[in-house]
Amino acid sequence: AALAALFIGNAFYYWLHRAQHAVPLLWRFHRVHHSITEMSAVSSYHHFTDDMLQYFAVGVPTALLLRVDSGAIPWLVFAVVGTYQYFIHSSMNVNIGPLRYVFADNHFHRIHHSRESQHFDKNFGTYTPIWDVLFGTAHFPKRGEWPAVGLEHVPEPKRLRDYLLMPFYDLRESHGQRDHVPATRARQPDES
């Protein structure tokens, strides 16, 4: 039941993650995470509001669909899953071979954080690329593909105050350019 909850919960997370990139209000908070310019286990932080959003958008629906018994096994599964976030945000050059088509690795997730426009709106899955494959958002990196990460016109918060308040800053005004939003929603240069 714990593995089923993980699989179904990851499906809910996939759609939440897509919404975080498509809905401007959600993006304002999620861009804090995408502003990091150096992937590492410790930089896998999100804005604190993400945890609340995930609780209601992922945890509650998953719990309503499945009954997960308490005990050691579910907690062990969730502990391993919790530490997996550190791996997918790491800068280690680890090749997991064909398993990368079942388990998302840090190469796969780095594409999601890429500054390169061809990688925008790709690789939303965190534990498995299955949802990205099913819904056409998968981009499996080629050998040696290791793009720069971060947002071109959104600085990474360096102080606690900036981290907490970044969602409320209108960074387009301060930089004169639009920060990354999904390519399908981006304004053309002649639009105001």
N, C-alpha and C. Protein backbone atom coordinates (compact mmCIF):
# COMPACT_ATOMS: atom_id res chain seq x y z
N ALA A 1 0.82 -1.20 0.00
CA ALA A 1 0.00 0.00 0.00
C ALA A 1 0.86 1.26 0.00
N ALA A 2 2.01 1.20 0.68
CA ALA A 2 2.87 2.37 0.72
C ALA A 2 3.44 2.69 -0.66
N LEU A 3 3.80 1.66 -1.43
CA LEU A 3 4.32 1.89 -2.78
C LEU A 3 3.22 2.39 -3.70
N ALA A 4 2.00 1.89 -3.52
CA ALA A 4 0.87 2.39 -4.32
C ALA A 4 0.62 3.86 -3.99
N ALA A 5 0.70 4.20 -2.73
CA ALA A 5 0.51 5.60 -2.32
C ALA A 5 1.60 6.47 -2.93
N LEU A 6 2.81 5.98 -2.95
CA LEU A 6 3.92 6.72 -3.56
C LEU A 6 3.65 6.95 -5.04
N PHE A 7 3.23 5.91 -5.75
CA PHE A 7 2.98 5.99 -7.19
C PHE A 7 1.83 6.95 -7.49
N ILE A 8 0.73 6.79 -6.78
CA ILE A 8 -0.44 7.65 -7.00
C ILE A 8 -0.15 9.08 -6.54
N GLY A 9 0.51 9.21 -5.40
CA GLY A 9 0.89 10.53 -4.92
C GLY A 9 1.80 11.25 -5.90
N ASN A 10 2.69 10.51 -6.55
CA ASN A 10 3.57 11.12 -7.53
C ASN A 10 2.80 11.58 -8.76
N ALA A 11 1.73 10.90 -9.10
CA ALA A 11 0.87 11.35 -10.21
C ALA A 11 0.21 12.68 -9.84
N PHE A 12 -0.31 12.78 -8.62
CA PHE A 12 -0.88 14.05 -8.17
C PHE A 12 0.20 15.14 -8.15
N TYR A 13 1.41 14.78 -7.69
CA TYR A 13 2.48 15.77 -7.64
C TYR A 13 2.86 16.24 -9.04
N TYR A 14 2.89 15.32 -10.00
CA TYR A 14 3.20 15.70 -11.39
C TYR A 14 2.27 16.82 -11.85
N TRP A 15 0.97 16.65 -11.62
CA TRP A 15 0.01 17.66 -12.07
C TRP A 15 0.10 18.95 -11.25
N LEU A 16 0.37 18.82 -9.97
CA LEU A 16 0.60 20.02 -9.16
C LEU A 16 1.82 20.77 -9.69
N HIS A 17 2.88 20.05 -9.98
CA HIS A 17 4.12 20.65 -10.46
C HIS A 17 3.89 21.35 -11.80
N ARG A 18 3.12 20.74 -12.66
CA ARG A 18 2.79 21.41 -13.93
C ARG A 18 2.00 22.69 -13.66
N ALA A 19 1.07 22.62 -12.72
CA ALA A 19 0.28 23.81 -12.38
C ALA A 19 1.18 24.90 -11.82
N GLN A 20 2.19 24.52 -11.03
CA GLN A 20 3.10 25.51 -10.47
C GLN A 20 3.85 26.27 -11.56
N HIS A 21 4.00 25.67 -12.71
CA HIS A 21 4.68 26.32 -13.83
C HIS A 21 3.69 27.06 -14.73
N ALA A 22 2.43 26.68 -14.72
CA ALA A 22 1.44 27.25 -15.65
C ALA A 22 0.61 28.36 -15.03
N VAL A 23 0.37 28.29 -13.74
CA VAL A 23 -0.49 29.27 -13.07
C VAL A 23 0.41 30.37 -12.48
N PRO A 24 0.28 31.60 -12.96
CA PRO A 24 1.19 32.66 -12.52
C PRO A 24 1.31 32.83 -11.00
N LEU A 25 0.22 32.73 -10.27
CA LEU A 25 0.29 32.87 -8.81
C LEU A 25 1.14 31.75 -8.20
N LEU A 26 0.95 30.53 -8.64
CA LEU A 26 1.75 29.42 -8.12
C LEU A 26 3.22 29.54 -8.54
N TRP A 27 3.44 30.02 -9.77
CA TRP A 27 4.82 30.20 -10.24
C TRP A 27 5.58 31.21 -9.39
N ARG A 28 4.92 32.25 -8.93
CA ARG A 28 5.60 33.26 -8.10
C ARG A 28 6.27 32.61 -6.89
N PHE A 29 5.64 31.59 -6.33
CA PHE A 29 6.21 30.89 -5.18
C PHE A 29 7.23 29.83 -5.62
N HIS A 30 6.90 29.12 -6.68
CA HIS A 30 7.77 28.02 -7.13
C HIS A 30 9.07 28.53 -7.75
N ARG A 31 9.06 29.74 -8.28
CA ARG A 31 10.28 30.26 -8.90
C ARG A 31 11.40 30.45 -7.89
N VAL A 32 11.06 30.54 -6.62
CA VAL A 32 12.11 30.60 -5.58
C VAL A 32 13.01 29.38 -5.73
N HIS A 33 12.40 28.22 -5.88
CA HIS A 33 13.15 26.97 -6.04
C HIS A 33 13.92 26.95 -7.36
N HIS A 34 13.31 27.46 -8.41
CA HIS A 34 13.96 27.43 -9.73
C HIS A 34 15.04 28.50 -9.87
N SER A 35 15.13 29.41 -8.96
CA SER A 35 16.14 30.46 -9.07
C SER A 35 17.53 29.97 -8.67
N ILE A 36 17.63 28.79 -8.06
CA ILE A 36 18.94 28.30 -7.64
C ILE A 36 19.84 28.12 -8.86
N THR A 37 21.08 28.54 -8.74
CA THR A 37 22.00 28.50 -9.87
C THR A 37 23.05 27.41 -9.76
N GLU A 38 23.02 26.69 -8.66
CA GLU A 38 23.92 25.56 -8.50
C GLU A 38 23.16 24.44 -7.82
N MET A 39 22.94 23.37 -8.56
CA MET A 39 22.18 22.25 -8.00
C MET A 39 23.06 21.52 -6.99
N SER A 40 22.49 21.26 -5.84
CA SER A 40 23.16 20.48 -4.81
C SER A 40 22.10 19.94 -3.87
N ALA A 41 22.49 18.97 -3.08
CA ALA A 41 21.53 18.38 -2.15
C ALA A 41 20.95 19.43 -1.20
N VAL A 42 21.77 20.36 -0.76
CA VAL A 42 21.27 21.37 0.17
C VAL A 42 20.46 22.46 -0.52
N SER A 43 20.57 22.57 -1.83
CA SER A 43 19.80 23.60 -2.52
C SER A 43 18.48 23.05 -3.06
N SER A 44 18.05 21.94 -2.54
CA SER A 44 16.78 21.38 -3.00
C SER A 44 15.59 22.01 -2.28
N TYR A 45 15.85 23.09 -1.55
CA TYR A 45 14.79 23.76 -0.81
C TYR A 45 13.73 24.33 -1.76
N HIS A 46 12.55 24.44 -1.25
CA HIS A 46 11.43 25.10 -1.93
C HIS A 46 10.97 26.24 -1.03
N HIS A 47 10.10 27.06 -1.53
CA HIS A 47 9.50 28.06 -0.66
C HIS A 47 8.64 27.31 0.37
N PHE A 48 8.61 27.79 1.58
CA PHE A 48 7.92 27.05 2.65
C PHE A 48 6.45 26.81 2.33
N THR A 49 5.85 27.63 1.48
CA THR A 49 4.44 27.43 1.13
C THR A 49 4.22 26.19 0.28
N ASP A 50 5.27 25.69 -0.39
CA ASP A 50 5.14 24.48 -1.21
C ASP A 50 4.70 23.28 -0.38
N ASP A 51 5.21 23.18 0.83
CA ASP A 51 4.83 22.05 1.68
C ASP A 51 3.34 22.06 2.00
N MET A 52 2.82 23.25 2.27
CA MET A 52 1.38 23.35 2.55
C MET A 52 0.56 22.99 1.31
N LEU A 53 0.99 23.49 0.17
CA LEU A 53 0.30 23.21 -1.08
C LEU A 53 0.34 21.72 -1.40
N GLN A 54 1.50 21.10 -1.22
CA GLN A 54 1.62 19.67 -1.48
C GLN A 54 0.75 18.85 -0.53
N TYR A 55 0.64 19.28 0.69
CA TYR A 55 -0.20 18.56 1.64
C TYR A 55 -1.64 18.46 1.11
N PHE A 56 -2.17 19.59 0.66
CA PHE A 56 -3.57 19.60 0.21
C PHE A 56 -3.75 19.06 -1.21
N ALA A 57 -2.78 19.27 -2.08
CA ALA A 57 -2.93 18.85 -3.48
C ALA A 57 -2.43 17.43 -3.74
N VAL A 58 -1.59 16.90 -2.87
CA VAL A 58 -1.03 15.57 -3.07
C VAL A 58 -1.41 14.64 -1.92
N GLY A 59 -1.09 15.05 -0.70
CA GLY A 59 -1.30 14.18 0.46
C GLY A 59 -2.75 13.83 0.71
N VAL A 60 -3.61 14.84 0.72
CA VAL A 60 -5.02 14.60 1.03
C VAL A 60 -5.69 13.73 -0.04
N PRO A 61 -5.56 14.04 -1.34
CA PRO A 61 -6.21 13.18 -2.33
C PRO A 61 -5.67 11.74 -2.32
N THR A 62 -4.37 11.60 -2.10
CA THR A 62 -3.79 10.26 -2.04
C THR A 62 -4.35 9.49 -0.85
N ALA A 63 -4.43 10.15 0.30
CA ALA A 63 -4.97 9.50 1.50
C ALA A 63 -6.45 9.14 1.32
N LEU A 64 -7.20 9.97 0.60
CA LEU A 64 -8.61 9.66 0.37
C LEU A 64 -8.79 8.47 -0.56
N LEU A 65 -7.87 8.30 -1.51
CA LEU A 65 -7.97 7.18 -2.45
C LEU A 65 -7.46 5.87 -1.86
N LEU A 66 -6.44 5.95 -1.03
CA LEU A 66 -5.81 4.74 -0.49
C LEU A 66 -5.79 4.79 1.02
N ARG A 67 -5.87 3.65 1.60
CA ARG A 67 -5.70 3.56 3.05
C ARG A 67 -4.32 2.98 3.30
N VAL A 68 -3.44 3.78 3.84
CA VAL A 68 -2.09 3.33 4.14
C VAL A 68 -2.00 3.08 5.63
N ASP A 69 -1.75 1.83 5.99
CA ASP A 69 -1.64 1.48 7.40
C ASP A 69 -0.39 2.10 8.00
N SER A 70 -0.48 2.36 9.28
CA SER A 70 0.71 2.83 9.97
C SER A 70 1.61 1.63 10.23
N GLY A 71 2.81 1.90 10.60
CA GLY A 71 3.77 0.84 10.85
C GLY A 71 5.11 1.22 10.25
N ALA A 72 6.05 0.32 10.33
CA ALA A 72 7.42 0.62 9.92
C ALA A 72 7.57 0.77 8.41
N ILE A 73 6.92 -0.08 7.62
CA ILE A 73 7.14 -0.08 6.17
C ILE A 73 6.73 1.24 5.51
N PRO A 74 5.53 1.77 5.76
CA PRO A 74 5.21 3.07 5.13
C PRO A 74 6.17 4.17 5.52
N TRP A 75 6.57 4.21 6.77
CA TRP A 75 7.49 5.25 7.20
C TRP A 75 8.86 5.08 6.58
N LEU A 76 9.28 3.83 6.40
CA LEU A 76 10.56 3.56 5.74
C LEU A 76 10.52 4.01 4.28
N VAL A 77 9.43 3.69 3.60
CA VAL A 77 9.27 4.11 2.20
C VAL A 77 9.29 5.63 2.10
N PHE A 78 8.54 6.30 2.96
CA PHE A 78 8.48 7.76 2.90
C PHE A 78 9.81 8.41 3.31
N ALA A 79 10.57 7.76 4.18
CA ALA A 79 11.89 8.28 4.54
C ALA A 79 12.84 8.21 3.35
N VAL A 80 12.82 7.07 2.65
CA VAL A 80 13.66 6.92 1.46
C VAL A 80 13.25 7.93 0.39
N VAL A 81 11.96 8.07 0.19
CA VAL A 81 11.44 9.01 -0.80
C VAL A 81 11.84 10.44 -0.43
N GLY A 82 11.77 10.77 0.84
CA GLY A 82 12.14 12.11 1.27
C GLY A 82 13.59 12.43 0.99
N THR A 83 14.46 11.46 1.14
CA THR A 83 15.87 11.70 0.85
C THR A 83 16.16 11.68 -0.65
N TYR A 84 15.26 11.13 -1.44
CA TYR A 84 15.45 11.08 -2.89
C TYR A 84 15.52 12.49 -3.48
N GLN A 85 14.84 13.44 -2.86
CA GLN A 85 14.89 14.84 -3.31
C GLN A 85 16.32 15.36 -3.30
N TYR A 86 17.11 14.94 -2.32
CA TYR A 86 18.49 15.38 -2.25
C TYR A 86 19.29 14.83 -3.44
N PHE A 87 19.00 13.60 -3.82
CA PHE A 87 19.71 12.99 -4.95
C PHE A 87 19.37 13.70 -6.26
N ILE A 88 18.09 13.91 -6.53
CA ILE A 88 17.74 14.49 -7.84
C ILE A 88 18.18 15.94 -7.97
N HIS A 89 18.47 16.60 -6.86
CA HIS A 89 18.98 17.96 -6.92
C HIS A 89 20.51 18.02 -6.76
N SER A 90 21.14 16.87 -6.71
CA SER A 90 22.59 16.85 -6.52
C SER A 90 23.31 17.12 -7.84
N SER A 91 24.57 17.48 -7.73
CA SER A 91 25.38 17.72 -8.93
C SER A 91 26.31 16.54 -9.21
N MET A 92 26.07 15.41 -8.56
CA MET A 92 26.87 14.21 -8.81
C MET A 92 26.63 13.73 -10.23
N ASN A 93 27.68 13.29 -10.87
CA ASN A 93 27.54 12.76 -12.22
C ASN A 93 27.42 11.24 -12.13
N VAL A 94 26.21 10.78 -11.78
CA VAL A 94 25.94 9.36 -11.59
C VAL A 94 25.05 8.88 -12.72
N ASN A 95 25.46 7.80 -13.35
CA ASN A 95 24.66 7.23 -14.44
C ASN A 95 23.99 5.97 -13.92
N ILE A 96 22.66 5.97 -13.89
CA ILE A 96 21.95 4.78 -13.40
C ILE A 96 21.51 3.87 -14.55
N GLY A 97 22.03 4.15 -15.74
CA GLY A 97 21.78 3.28 -16.90
C GLY A 97 20.31 3.22 -17.28
N PRO A 98 19.86 2.04 -17.70
CA PRO A 98 18.47 1.91 -18.14
C PRO A 98 17.44 2.13 -17.03
N LEU A 99 17.88 2.10 -15.78
CA LEU A 99 16.94 2.38 -14.68
C LEU A 99 16.40 3.80 -14.75
N ARG A 100 17.07 4.68 -15.51
CA ARG A 100 16.61 6.07 -15.60
C ARG A 100 15.26 6.19 -16.29
N TYR A 101 14.84 5.13 -16.97
CA TYR A 101 13.51 5.14 -17.59
C TYR A 101 12.41 4.75 -16.60
N VAL A 102 12.83 4.30 -15.42
CA VAL A 102 11.88 3.94 -14.36
C VAL A 102 11.99 4.92 -13.20
N PHE A 103 13.22 5.28 -12.84
CA PHE A 103 13.46 6.20 -11.73
C PHE A 103 14.09 7.49 -12.28
N ALA A 104 13.53 8.62 -11.92
CA ALA A 104 14.11 9.90 -12.34
C ALA A 104 15.44 10.08 -11.62
N ASP A 105 16.47 10.42 -12.37
CA ASP A 105 17.76 10.67 -11.74
C ASP A 105 18.08 12.17 -11.80
N ASN A 106 19.23 12.53 -11.29
CA ASN A 106 19.57 13.95 -11.24
C ASN A 106 19.83 14.55 -12.62
N HIS A 107 20.21 13.76 -13.59
CA HIS A 107 20.35 14.27 -14.96
C HIS A 107 18.98 14.66 -15.52
N PHE A 108 18.01 13.79 -15.30
CA PHE A 108 16.64 14.03 -15.77
C PHE A 108 16.07 15.29 -15.12
N HIS A 109 16.26 15.42 -13.82
CA HIS A 109 15.68 16.57 -13.12
C HIS A 109 16.45 17.87 -13.41
N ARG A 110 17.72 17.76 -13.70
CA ARG A 110 18.49 18.96 -14.05
C ARG A 110 17.92 19.61 -15.31
N ILE A 111 17.47 18.81 -16.25
CA ILE A 111 16.84 19.35 -17.46
C ILE A 111 15.66 20.23 -17.07
N HIS A 112 14.91 19.81 -16.07
CA HIS A 112 13.75 20.59 -15.61
C HIS A 112 14.18 21.96 -15.09
N HIS A 113 15.35 22.05 -14.51
CA HIS A 113 15.86 23.31 -13.95
C HIS A 113 16.69 24.11 -14.96
N SER A 114 16.84 23.61 -16.16
CA SER A 114 17.70 24.22 -17.17
C SER A 114 17.28 25.63 -17.54
N ARG A 115 18.25 26.44 -17.91
CA ARG A 115 18.00 27.79 -18.42
C ARG A 115 17.71 27.77 -19.92
N GLU A 116 17.95 26.65 -20.58
CA GLU A 116 17.81 26.56 -22.02
C GLU A 116 16.33 26.39 -22.39
N SER A 117 15.86 27.20 -23.31
CA SER A 117 14.43 27.24 -23.63
C SER A 117 13.89 25.90 -24.13
N GLN A 118 14.71 25.09 -24.79
CA GLN A 118 14.21 23.80 -25.27
C GLN A 118 13.91 22.84 -24.13
N HIS A 119 14.37 23.17 -22.93
CA HIS A 119 14.10 22.33 -21.76
C HIS A 119 12.93 22.84 -20.92
N PHE A 120 12.40 24.02 -21.25
CA PHE A 120 11.29 24.56 -20.47
C PHE A 120 10.11 23.61 -20.58
N ASP A 121 9.39 23.47 -19.47
CA ASP A 121 8.18 22.64 -19.41
C ASP A 121 8.47 21.17 -19.70
N LYS A 122 9.60 20.69 -19.22
CA LYS A 122 9.99 19.29 -19.36
C LYS A 122 10.30 18.71 -18.00
N ASN A 123 10.12 17.41 -17.88
CA ASN A 123 10.58 16.62 -16.73
C ASN A 123 10.03 17.10 -15.39
N PHE A 124 8.72 17.08 -15.28
CA PHE A 124 8.05 17.49 -14.04
C PHE A 124 8.09 16.39 -12.97
N GLY A 125 8.23 15.14 -13.38
CA GLY A 125 8.24 14.03 -12.43
C GLY A 125 9.45 14.09 -11.52
N THR A 126 9.30 13.66 -10.30
CA THR A 126 10.41 13.69 -9.37
C THR A 126 10.95 12.30 -9.06
N TYR A 127 10.10 11.31 -8.93
CA TYR A 127 10.57 9.97 -8.59
C TYR A 127 10.62 9.06 -9.80
N THR A 128 9.77 9.33 -10.76
CA THR A 128 9.72 8.50 -11.96
C THR A 128 9.43 9.38 -13.16
N PRO A 129 9.99 9.06 -14.32
CA PRO A 129 9.68 9.80 -15.53
C PRO A 129 8.42 9.30 -16.23
N ILE A 130 7.76 8.32 -15.65
CA ILE A 130 6.60 7.69 -16.31
C ILE A 130 5.54 8.71 -16.68
N TRP A 131 5.23 9.63 -15.77
CA TRP A 131 4.17 10.61 -16.05
C TRP A 131 4.61 11.55 -17.17
N ASP A 132 5.88 11.92 -17.20
CA ASP A 132 6.38 12.77 -18.28
C ASP A 132 6.31 12.05 -19.62
N VAL A 133 6.63 10.77 -19.63
CA VAL A 133 6.53 10.00 -20.87
C VAL A 133 5.08 9.93 -21.32
N LEU A 134 4.17 9.60 -20.40
CA LEU A 134 2.75 9.48 -20.75
C LEU A 134 2.14 10.78 -21.26
N PHE A 135 2.57 11.91 -20.71
CA PHE A 135 1.93 13.18 -21.06
C PHE A 135 2.81 14.07 -21.94
N GLY A 136 3.85 13.49 -22.53
CA GLY A 136 4.63 14.19 -23.54
C GLY A 136 5.57 15.28 -23.05
N THR A 137 5.96 15.22 -21.79
CA THR A 137 6.86 16.26 -21.26
C THR A 137 8.26 15.72 -20.95
N ALA A 138 8.54 14.48 -21.34
CA ALA A 138 9.84 13.88 -21.02
C ALA A 138 10.92 14.34 -22.00
N HIS A 139 12.08 14.61 -21.44
CA HIS A 139 13.29 14.86 -22.23
C HIS A 139 14.41 14.12 -21.52
N PHE A 140 14.81 12.99 -22.09
CA PHE A 140 15.91 12.23 -21.49
C PHE A 140 17.22 12.83 -22.00
N PRO A 141 18.06 13.31 -21.09
CA PRO A 141 19.28 13.98 -21.53
C PRO A 141 20.23 13.04 -22.27
N LYS A 142 20.88 13.62 -23.24
CA LYS A 142 21.89 12.88 -23.99
C LYS A 142 23.17 12.84 -23.16
N ARG A 143 24.07 11.96 -23.54
CA ARG A 143 25.35 11.86 -22.84
C ARG A 143 26.05 13.22 -22.87
N GLY A 144 26.47 13.68 -21.73
CA GLY A 144 27.18 14.95 -21.62
C GLY A 144 26.27 16.18 -21.55
N GLU A 145 24.97 15.98 -21.64
CA GLU A 145 24.04 17.12 -21.56
C GLU A 145 23.88 17.50 -20.09
N TRP A 146 24.42 18.63 -19.72
CA TRP A 146 24.46 19.08 -18.33
C TRP A 146 24.30 20.60 -18.34
N PRO A 147 23.09 21.10 -18.57
CA PRO A 147 22.89 22.54 -18.78
C PRO A 147 23.04 23.37 -17.51
N ALA A 148 23.29 24.65 -17.72
CA ALA A 148 23.28 25.61 -16.62
C ALA A 148 21.85 25.70 -16.08
N VAL A 149 21.71 25.96 -14.80
CA VAL A 149 20.39 26.01 -14.17
C VAL A 149 20.13 27.37 -13.56
N GLY A 150 18.90 27.61 -13.22
CA GLY A 150 18.50 28.88 -12.63
C GLY A 150 17.58 29.62 -13.57
N LEU A 151 17.22 30.82 -13.19
CA LEU A 151 16.37 31.66 -14.03
C LEU A 151 17.19 32.86 -14.47
N GLU A 152 17.20 33.09 -15.75
CA GLU A 152 18.08 34.11 -16.32
C GLU A 152 17.90 35.48 -15.69
N HIS A 153 16.66 35.88 -15.44
CA HIS A 153 16.42 37.24 -14.95
C HIS A 153 15.85 37.27 -13.53
N VAL A 154 16.04 36.17 -12.80
CA VAL A 154 15.56 36.11 -11.42
C VAL A 154 16.73 35.69 -10.54
N PRO A 155 17.22 36.58 -9.72
CA PRO A 155 18.36 36.22 -8.87
C PRO A 155 17.97 35.25 -7.76
N GLU A 156 18.89 34.38 -7.46
CA GLU A 156 18.69 33.44 -6.34
C GLU A 156 18.67 34.24 -5.04
N PRO A 157 17.71 33.97 -4.15
CA PRO A 157 17.69 34.71 -2.89
C PRO A 157 18.92 34.38 -2.06
N LYS A 158 19.55 35.41 -1.54
CA LYS A 158 20.77 35.22 -0.74
C LYS A 158 20.53 35.45 0.75
N ARG A 159 19.43 36.13 1.08
CA ARG A 159 19.11 36.42 2.48
C ARG A 159 17.75 35.80 2.80
N LEU A 160 17.53 35.51 4.05
CA LEU A 160 16.27 34.93 4.49
C LEU A 160 15.10 35.82 4.09
N ARG A 161 15.26 37.10 4.24
CA ARG A 161 14.20 38.04 3.87
C ARG A 161 13.83 37.89 2.39
N ASP A 162 14.82 37.79 1.52
CA ASP A 162 14.55 37.63 0.08
C ASP A 162 13.88 36.29 -0.21
N TYR A 163 14.33 35.26 0.48
CA TYR A 163 13.73 33.93 0.32
C TYR A 163 12.24 33.97 0.69
N LEU A 164 11.92 34.59 1.78
CA LEU A 164 10.52 34.65 2.23
C LEU A 164 9.66 35.57 1.38
N LEU A 165 10.23 36.67 0.92
CA LEU A 165 9.44 37.69 0.22
C LEU A 165 9.53 37.62 -1.29
N MET A 166 10.40 36.80 -1.83
CA MET A 166 10.57 36.72 -3.28
C MET A 166 9.26 36.54 -4.06
N PRO A 167 8.32 35.73 -3.59
CA PRO A 167 7.07 35.58 -4.34
C PRO A 167 6.29 36.89 -4.49
N PHE A 168 6.57 37.84 -3.63
CA PHE A 168 5.82 39.09 -3.65
C PHE A 168 6.54 40.19 -4.43
N TYR A 169 7.78 39.91 -4.86
CA TYR A 169 8.52 40.87 -5.67
C TYR A 169 8.05 40.74 -7.11
N ASP A 170 7.93 41.85 -7.80
CA ASP A 170 7.66 41.81 -9.23
C ASP A 170 9.01 41.96 -9.93
N LEU A 171 9.62 40.84 -10.19
CA LEU A 171 10.98 40.84 -10.72
C LEU A 171 11.04 41.30 -12.16
N ARG A 172 9.93 41.29 -12.86
CA ARG A 172 9.93 41.78 -14.24
C ARG A 172 10.23 43.27 -14.26
N GLU A 173 9.73 43.99 -13.29
CA GLU A 173 10.00 45.43 -13.24
C GLU A 173 11.46 45.70 -12.94
N SER A 174 12.03 44.97 -12.02
CA SER A 174 13.40 45.25 -11.61
C SER A 174 14.41 44.83 -12.66
N HIS A 175 14.06 43.90 -13.52
CA HIS A 175 15.00 43.43 -14.53
C HIS A 175 14.60 43.84 -15.94
N GLY A 176 13.40 44.38 -16.09
CA GLY A 176 12.96 44.80 -17.41
C GLY A 176 12.64 43.64 -18.33
N GLN A 177 12.68 42.40 -17.83
CA GLN A 177 12.38 41.25 -18.66
C GLN A 177 11.55 40.26 -17.87
N ARG A 178 10.87 39.43 -18.57
CA ARG A 178 10.01 38.44 -17.96
C ARG A 178 10.83 37.25 -17.49
N ASP A 179 10.55 36.77 -16.29
CA ASP A 179 11.24 35.55 -15.86
C ASP A 179 10.58 34.35 -16.54
N HIS A 180 11.20 33.21 -16.46
CA HIS A 180 10.72 32.03 -17.16
C HIS A 180 9.32 31.64 -16.71
N VAL A 181 8.43 31.59 -17.64
CA VAL A 181 7.12 30.99 -17.46
C VAL A 181 6.98 30.01 -18.60
N PRO A 182 6.02 29.13 -18.58
CA PRO A 182 5.90 28.15 -19.66
C PRO A 182 5.90 28.83 -21.02
N ALA A 183 6.59 28.20 -21.96
CA ALA A 183 6.73 28.77 -23.30
C ALA A 183 5.37 29.02 -23.94
N THR A 184 4.39 28.19 -23.62
CA THR A 184 3.07 28.34 -24.21
C THR A 184 2.35 29.58 -23.69
N ARG A 185 2.82 30.13 -22.57
CA ARG A 185 2.16 31.29 -21.98
C ARG A 185 3.01 32.56 -22.07
N ALA A 186 4.22 32.44 -22.58
CA ALA A 186 5.11 33.59 -22.61
C ALA A 186 4.62 34.64 -23.60
N ARG A 187 4.74 35.89 -23.22
CA ARG A 187 4.38 37.00 -24.09
C ARG A 187 5.41 37.14 -25.20
N GLN A 188 4.97 37.65 -26.32
CA GLN A 188 5.87 37.99 -27.40
C GLN A 188 6.57 39.30 -27.04
N PRO A 189 7.77 39.54 -27.58
CA PRO A 189 8.52 40.76 -27.20
C PRO A 189 7.76 42.05 -27.46
N ASP A 190 6.85 42.10 -28.46
CA ASP A 190 6.15 43.34 -28.75
C ASP A 190 4.93 43.55 -27.86
N GLU A 191 4.58 42.56 -27.02
CA GLU A 191 3.45 42.72 -26.11
C GLU A 191 3.92 43.40 -24.83
N SER A 192 3.02 44.14 -24.19
CA SER A 192 3.41 44.75 -22.92
C SER A 192 2.77 44.05 -21.76
